C-alpha atoms as a PDB file:
ATOM      1  CA  MET A   1      63.129 -63.400  -5.882  1.00  0.00           C
ATOM      2  CA  LYS A   2      61.041 -60.853  -3.958  1.00  0.00           C
ATOM      3  CA  THR A   3      63.567 -58.157  -4.783  1.00  0.00           C
ATOM      4  CA  LEU A   4      63.385 -58.999  -8.479  1.00  0.00           C
ATOM      5  CA  LEU A   5      59.589 -58.867  -8.445  1.00  0.00           C
ATOM      6  CA  ARG A   6      59.644 -55.504  -6.646  1.00  0.00           C
ATOM      7  CA  ALA A   7      62.136 -54.151  -9.169  1.00  0.00           C
ATOM      8  CA  LEU A   8      60.002 -55.340 -12.080  1.00  0.00           C
ATOM      9  CA  TRP A   9      56.808 -53.916 -10.520  1.00  0.00           C
ATOM     10  CA  ARG A  10      58.422 -50.447 -10.525  1.00  0.00           C
ATOM     11  CA  HIS A  11      58.184 -50.403 -14.320  1.00  0.00           C
ATOM     12  CA  ALA A  12      54.854 -49.125 -15.632  1.00  0.00           C
ATOM     13  CA  LEU A  13      55.018 -51.367 -18.713  1.00  0.00           C
ATOM     14  CA  ILE A  14      55.306 -54.495 -16.538  1.00  0.00           C
ATOM     15  CA  ARG A  15      52.395 -53.317 -14.368  1.00  0.00           C
ATOM     16  CA  TYR A  16      50.411 -52.547 -17.543  1.00  0.00           C
ATOM     17  CA  ILE A  17      50.916 -56.066 -18.886  1.00  0.00           C
ATOM     18  CA  VAL A  18      50.157 -57.822 -15.576  1.00  0.00           C
ATOM     19  CA  VAL A  19      47.042 -55.749 -14.930  1.00  0.00           C
ATOM     20  CA  GLY A  20      46.006 -56.158 -18.577  1.00  0.00           C
ATOM     21  CA  VAL A  21      46.181 -59.945 -18.339  1.00  0.00           C
ATOM     22  CA  GLY A  22      43.894 -59.852 -15.309  1.00  0.00           C
ATOM     23  CA  ASN A  23      41.501 -57.457 -17.023  1.00  0.00           C
ATOM     24  CA  THR A  24      41.413 -59.651 -20.122  1.00  0.00           C
ATOM     25  CA  GLY A  25      40.595 -62.704 -18.033  1.00  0.00           C
ATOM     26  CA  PHE A  26      37.760 -60.809 -16.346  1.00  0.00           C
ATOM     27  CA  ALA A  27      36.371 -59.576 -19.677  1.00  0.00           C
ATOM     28  CA  TYR A  28      36.499 -63.087 -21.132  1.00  0.00           C
ATOM     29  CA  ALA A  29      34.676 -64.438 -18.070  1.00  0.00           C
ATOM     30  CA  ILE A  30      31.924 -61.851 -18.654  1.00  0.00           C
ATOM     31  CA  TYR A  31      31.727 -62.977 -22.296  1.00  0.00           C
ATOM     32  CA  ILE A  32      31.362 -66.629 -21.237  1.00  0.00           C
ATOM     33  CA  LEU A  33      28.793 -65.696 -18.581  1.00  0.00           C
ATOM     34  CA  GLY A  34      26.787 -63.785 -21.178  1.00  0.00           C
ATOM     35  CA  LEU A  35      26.785 -66.793 -23.481  1.00  0.00           C
ATOM     36  CA  LEU A  36      25.754 -69.106 -20.644  1.00  0.00           C
ATOM     37  CA  LEU A  37      22.878 -66.754 -19.790  1.00  0.00           C
ATOM     38  CA  GLY A  38      21.620 -67.023 -23.367  1.00  0.00           C
ATOM     39  CA  CYS A  39      22.994 -63.812 -24.891  1.00  0.00           C
ATOM     40  CA  SER A  40      24.052 -63.794 -28.532  1.00  0.00           C
ATOM     41  CA  TYR A  41      27.806 -63.681 -29.080  1.00  0.00           C
ATOM     42  CA  ALA A  42      27.450 -60.040 -30.178  1.00  0.00           C
ATOM     43  CA  MET A  43      25.633 -59.054 -26.979  1.00  0.00           C
ATOM     44  CA  ALA A  44      28.009 -61.108 -24.810  1.00  0.00           C
ATOM     45  CA  SER A  45      30.936 -59.416 -26.544  1.00  0.00           C
ATOM     46  CA  LEU A  46      29.444 -55.957 -25.998  1.00  0.00           C
ATOM     47  CA  LEU A  47      28.865 -56.675 -22.294  1.00  0.00           C
ATOM     48  CA  SER A  48      32.408 -58.003 -22.048  1.00  0.00           C
ATOM     49  CA  LEU A  49      33.820 -54.920 -23.758  1.00  0.00           C
ATOM     50  CA  LEU A  50      31.916 -52.500 -21.530  1.00  0.00           C
ATOM     51  CA  ALA A  51      32.793 -54.358 -18.323  1.00  0.00           C
ATOM     52  CA  GLY A  52      36.397 -54.688 -19.465  1.00  0.00           C
ATOM     53  CA  ILE A  53      36.726 -50.973 -20.222  1.00  0.00           C
ATOM     54  CA  LEU A  54      35.287 -50.021 -16.840  1.00  0.00           C
ATOM     55  CA  LEU A  55      37.530 -52.416 -14.923  1.00  0.00           C
ATOM     56  CA  SER A  56      40.562 -51.566 -17.013  1.00  0.00           C
ATOM     57  CA  PHE A  57      40.083 -47.835 -16.455  1.00  0.00           C
ATOM     58  CA  LYS A  58      40.067 -48.311 -12.690  1.00  0.00           C
ATOM     59  CA  THR A  59      42.851 -50.902 -12.478  1.00  0.00           C
ATOM     60  CA  GLN A  60      45.212 -49.391 -15.047  1.00  0.00           C
ATOM     61  CA  GLY A  61      44.680 -45.956 -13.548  1.00  0.00           C
ATOM     62  CA  ARG A  62      45.275 -47.061  -9.990  1.00  0.00           C
ATOM     63  CA  PHE A  63      47.930 -49.771 -10.278  1.00  0.00           C
ATOM     64  CA  THR A  64      49.754 -48.960 -13.493  1.00  0.00           C
ATOM     65  CA  PHE A  65      49.736 -45.178 -13.690  1.00  0.00           C
ATOM     66  CA  ARG A  66      48.815 -44.376 -10.068  1.00  0.00           C
ATOM     67  CA  ASP A  67      46.110 -41.936 -11.098  1.00  0.00           C
ATOM     68  CA  SER A  68      42.502 -42.823 -10.327  1.00  0.00           C
ATOM     69  CA  ARG A  69      40.756 -39.585 -11.341  1.00  0.00           C
ATOM     70  CA  ASN A  70      37.357 -40.384 -12.851  1.00  0.00           C
ATOM     71  CA  ALA A  71      37.593 -37.237 -14.984  1.00  0.00           C
ATOM     72  CA  LEU A  72      40.008 -39.114 -17.275  1.00  0.00           C
ATOM     73  CA  PHE A  73      37.418 -41.692 -18.351  1.00  0.00           C
ATOM     74  CA  GLY A  74      36.572 -39.858 -21.602  1.00  0.00           C
ATOM     75  CA  ARG A  75      40.228 -39.835 -22.621  1.00  0.00           C
ATOM     76  CA  PHE A  76      40.448 -43.519 -21.722  1.00  0.00           C
ATOM     77  CA  VAL A  77      37.546 -44.376 -24.025  1.00  0.00           C
ATOM     78  CA  VAL A  78      39.080 -42.296 -26.827  1.00  0.00           C
ATOM     79  CA  SER A  79      42.399 -44.102 -26.334  1.00  0.00           C
ATOM     80  CA  TRP A  80      40.678 -47.489 -26.781  1.00  0.00           C
ATOM     81  CA  MET A  81      38.911 -46.237 -29.901  1.00  0.00           C
ATOM     82  CA  LEU A  82      42.336 -45.324 -31.282  1.00  0.00           C
ATOM     83  CA  VAL A  83      43.774 -48.720 -30.261  1.00  0.00           C
ATOM     84  CA  TYR A  84      40.867 -50.362 -32.066  1.00  0.00           C
ATOM     85  CA  GLY A  85      41.750 -48.370 -35.194  1.00  0.00           C
ATOM     86  CA  VAL A  86      45.395 -49.413 -34.930  1.00  0.00           C
ATOM     87  CA  ASN A  87      44.306 -53.019 -34.409  1.00  0.00           C
ATOM     88  CA  ILE A  88      42.114 -53.078 -37.508  1.00  0.00           C
ATOM     89  CA  GLY A  89      44.834 -51.427 -39.577  1.00  0.00           C
ATOM     90  CA  VAL A  90      47.539 -53.833 -38.432  1.00  0.00           C
ATOM     91  CA  ILE A  91      45.322 -56.877 -38.967  1.00  0.00           C
ATOM     92  CA  ALA A  92      44.411 -55.639 -42.457  1.00  0.00           C
ATOM     93  CA  GLU A  93      48.094 -55.211 -43.298  1.00  0.00           C
ATOM     94  CA  PHE A  94      48.975 -58.728 -42.121  1.00  0.00           C
ATOM     95  CA  ILE A  95      46.066 -60.116 -44.149  1.00  0.00           C
ATOM     96  CA  ARG A  96      47.315 -58.162 -47.169  1.00  0.00           C
ATOM     97  CA  LEU A  97      50.700 -59.837 -46.625  1.00  0.00           C
ATOM     98  CA  GLY A  98      49.026 -63.255 -46.857  1.00  0.00           C
ATOM     99  CA  PHE A  99      48.260 -64.192 -43.244  1.00  0.00           C
ATOM    100  CA  ASP A 100      44.831 -65.540 -42.340  1.00  0.00           C
ATOM    101  CA  ALA A 101      42.603 -63.513 -40.003  1.00  0.00           C
ATOM    102  CA  PHE A 102      43.414 -65.716 -36.974  1.00  0.00           C
ATOM    103  CA  SER A 103      47.175 -65.327 -37.382  1.00  0.00           C
ATOM    104  CA  ALA A 104      46.860 -61.654 -38.259  1.00  0.00           C
ATOM    105  CA  GLY A 105      44.911 -61.018 -35.057  1.00  0.00           C
ATOM    106  CA  ALA A 106      47.557 -62.772 -32.985  1.00  0.00           C
ATOM    107  CA  LEU A 107      50.384 -60.919 -34.726  1.00  0.00           C
ATOM    108  CA  ALA A 108      48.610 -57.611 -34.041  1.00  0.00           C
ATOM    109  CA  LEU A 109      48.631 -58.150 -30.255  1.00  0.00           C
ATOM    110  CA  PRO A 110      52.070 -56.589 -29.577  1.00  0.00           C
ATOM    111  CA  PHE A 111      51.025 -53.504 -31.544  1.00  0.00           C
ATOM    112  CA  ASN A 112      47.832 -53.256 -29.474  1.00  0.00           C
ATOM    113  CA  VAL A 113      49.736 -53.541 -26.211  1.00  0.00           C
ATOM    114  CA  ALA A 114      52.256 -50.900 -27.298  1.00  0.00           C
ATOM    115  CA  ALA A 115      49.605 -48.499 -28.627  1.00  0.00           C
ATOM    116  CA  GLY A 116      47.445 -48.945 -25.514  1.00  0.00           C
ATOM    117  CA  PHE A 117      50.356 -48.405 -23.159  1.00  0.00           C
ATOM    118  CA  LEU A 118      51.647 -45.301 -24.939  1.00  0.00           C
ATOM    119  CA  LEU A 119      48.212 -43.713 -25.271  1.00  0.00           C
ATOM    120  CA  GLN A 120      47.352 -44.360 -21.650  1.00  0.00           C
ATOM    121  CA  ARG A 121      50.728 -43.234 -20.367  1.00  0.00           C
ATOM    122  CA  TYR A 122      50.924 -39.997 -22.321  1.00  0.00           C
ATOM    123  CA  PHE A 123      47.361 -39.120 -23.381  1.00  0.00           C
ATOM    124  CA  VAL A 124      45.111 -40.461 -20.622  1.00  0.00           C
ATOM    125  CA  PHE A 125      47.091 -40.578 -17.405  1.00  0.00           C
ATOM    126  CA  GLY A 126      50.003 -38.294 -18.320  1.00  0.00           C
ATOM    127  CA  SER A 127      48.102 -35.066 -17.696  1.00  0.00           C
ATOM    128  CA  ARG A 128      48.847 -35.151 -13.951  1.00  0.00           C
ATOM    129  CA  ARG A 129      52.569 -35.489 -14.630  1.00  0.00           C
ATOM    130  CA  ARG A 130      52.432 -32.471 -16.930  1.00  0.00           C
ATOM    131  CA  SER A 131      50.450 -30.370 -14.438  1.00  0.00           C
ATOM    132  CA  VAL A 132      52.791 -31.334 -11.577  1.00  0.00           C
ATOM    133  CA  LYS A 133      55.831 -30.424 -13.696  1.00  0.00           C
ATOM    134  CA  ASP A 134      54.190 -27.148 -14.754  1.00  0.00           C
ATOM    135  CA  GLN A 135      53.688 -26.163 -11.096  1.00  0.00           C
ATOM    136  CA  SER A 136      57.329 -26.642 -10.149  1.00  0.00           C
END
């Protein structure tokens, strides 16, 4: 079993999903904490989003892509803005096809995961791989 887990952990997509689940749980806990402290849902959501982005940048960089350079934070934020755009577009398309907003949001999740992974792998954290390849 340990060997299987080690083999799976070698794959960046698996690490991305595992780390993402943890980050999502943390962000949701911040949302709940904000509500319990009397924040509006909009403010609690904003605090959750900001805390989630900060944690996700550090954890995805370190554990998933093994690159913890702070200089990449701007690219990371841009990548999540793009994922948000993809998310809204996919949800809108599912709604156009007749799904309700709840179902459409759930159906959009795989697209979000794929878009986030690809953007982070190639746009945010891929610059080190390119520069290392360019030097050899």
